[in-house]
Amino acid sequence: MNKPPVSYYLKAAAGISRGANSPGKEVVGKVTLKHVYEIAKIKSEDENLQDETMHYICRAVIGTARSIGIQVVEELDANEYRQFLLDLEQRKEQEKLEKEAMSLLKK
């Protein structure tokens, strides 16, 4: 039986509920190489991945992370990440306010 998709585990590890609107341009979360390895260990039990190497599965996990706007880093300080998430939330709120202002100007 297959486990949930890689994106599910990545979002849980990054502490986010959804991926980026513009992957490649926007970073919505961060995970460490240890997270990548742990997710790869879980996914290596899937039937379709049992014949693949851990290196291959880890690279696939990293590719999925990039495709949903999650940055893979070697180490991650908890306080630094908390500040990253707060800054991200503030940017999203600012973008929302700007969109609302633009829609009011169009009327």
Protein backbone atom coordinates (compact mmCIF):
# COMPACT_ATOMS: atom_id res chain seq x y z
CA MET A 1 0.00 0.00 0.00
CA ASN A 2 1.35 3.41 -0.96
CA LYS A 3 1.92 6.21 1.52
CA PRO A 4 0.64 9.79 1.05
CA PRO A 5 2.36 11.85 -1.68
CA VAL A 6 5.76 13.44 -1.07
CA SER A 7 4.17 16.91 -1.10
CA TYR A 8 2.08 15.95 1.95
CA TYR A 9 5.19 15.10 3.98
CA LEU A 10 7.11 18.15 2.72
CA LYS A 11 4.32 20.54 3.67
CA ALA A 12 4.04 18.92 7.09
CA ALA A 13 7.81 19.15 7.65
CA ALA A 14 7.85 22.80 6.53
CA GLY A 15 4.82 23.66 8.66
CA ILE A 16 2.79 25.02 5.76
CA SER A 17 -0.67 24.21 4.44
CA ARG A 18 -0.13 24.86 0.73
CA GLY A 19 2.60 25.34 -1.82
CA ALA A 20 3.75 28.49 -3.57
CA ASN A 21 1.64 30.29 -6.14
CA SER A 22 4.82 30.93 -8.16
CA PRO A 23 7.30 28.10 -7.49
CA GLY A 24 10.83 29.11 -8.38
CA LYS A 25 10.07 32.74 -7.57
CA GLU A 26 8.48 32.32 -4.16
CA VAL A 27 9.72 30.34 -1.15
CA VAL A 28 6.92 29.37 1.22
CA GLY A 29 8.84 27.00 3.48
CA LYS A 30 12.13 25.33 4.27
CA VAL A 31 13.14 21.77 5.12
CA THR A 32 16.50 20.26 5.96
CA LEU A 33 18.38 17.47 4.23
CA LYS A 34 17.47 15.32 7.24
CA HIS A 35 13.78 15.89 6.46
CA VAL A 36 14.44 14.92 2.85
CA TYR A 37 16.15 11.69 3.92
CA GLU A 38 13.38 10.78 6.38
CA ILE A 39 10.69 11.38 3.75
CA ALA A 40 12.69 9.32 1.24
CA LYS A 41 12.92 6.46 3.78
CA ILE A 42 9.14 6.48 4.17
CA LYS A 43 8.52 6.65 0.40
CA SER A 44 11.08 3.90 -0.32
CA GLU A 45 8.49 1.46 1.05
CA ASP A 46 6.07 2.32 -1.79
CA GLU A 47 5.75 -0.51 -4.30
CA ASN A 48 6.78 1.61 -7.26
CA LEU A 49 9.94 2.86 -5.50
CA GLN A 50 11.22 -0.34 -3.91
CA ASP A 51 13.76 -0.94 -6.69
CA GLU A 52 15.10 2.64 -6.62
CA THR A 53 18.18 3.81 -4.72
CA MET A 54 17.90 6.20 -1.76
CA HIS A 55 19.91 8.71 -3.79
CA TYR A 56 17.30 8.63 -6.55
CA ILE A 57 14.39 8.96 -4.10
CA CYS A 58 16.08 11.83 -2.22
CA ARG A 59 16.64 13.70 -5.48
CA ALA A 60 12.98 13.17 -6.36
CA VAL A 61 11.93 14.56 -2.95
CA ILE A 62 14.17 17.62 -3.49
CA GLY A 63 12.64 18.12 -6.93
CA THR A 64 9.14 17.99 -5.49
CA ALA A 65 10.15 20.47 -2.78
CA ARG A 66 11.37 22.93 -5.39
CA SER A 67 8.22 22.47 -7.47
CA ILE A 68 6.00 23.55 -4.57
CA GLY A 69 8.20 26.40 -3.34
CA ILE A 70 10.01 24.70 -0.47
CA GLN A 71 13.72 25.40 -0.09
CA VAL A 72 16.02 22.56 1.02
CA VAL A 73 18.77 23.67 3.41
CA GLU A 74 21.50 21.85 5.31
CA GLU A 75 20.53 23.15 8.74
CA LEU A 76 17.64 25.19 10.06
CA ASP A 77 17.59 27.26 13.25
CA ALA A 78 14.13 27.19 14.86
CA ASN A 79 14.12 30.91 15.71
CA GLU A 80 15.32 31.87 12.24
CA TYR A 81 12.57 29.73 10.66
CA ARG A 82 9.91 31.19 12.94
CA GLN A 83 10.97 34.67 11.76
CA PHE A 84 10.91 33.47 8.12
CA LEU A 85 7.30 32.27 8.53
CA LEU A 86 6.26 35.54 10.23
CA ASP A 87 7.83 37.58 7.42
CA LEU A 88 6.11 35.39 4.84
CA GLU A 89 2.74 35.90 6.50
CA GLN A 90 3.28 39.67 6.56
CA ARG A 91 4.20 39.69 2.84
CA LYS A 92 1.07 37.67 2.00
CA GLU A 93 -1.11 40.06 4.00
CA GLN A 94 0.48 43.05 2.26
CA GLU A 95 -0.13 41.46 -1.17
CA LYS A 96 -3.75 40.80 -0.23
CA LEU A 97 -4.24 44.43 0.80
CA GLU A 98 -2.63 45.65 -2.42
CA LYS A 99 -4.94 43.44 -4.52
CA GLU A 100 -7.97 44.74 -2.66
CA ALA A 101 -6.83 48.34 -3.21
CA MET A 102 -6.30 47.70 -6.91
CA SER A 103 -9.75 46.17 -7.29
CA LEU A 104 -11.31 49.20 -5.57
CA LEU A 105 -9.44 51.54 -7.92
CA LYS A 106 -10.76 49.68 -10.95
CA LYS A 107 -14.39 50.30 -9.90
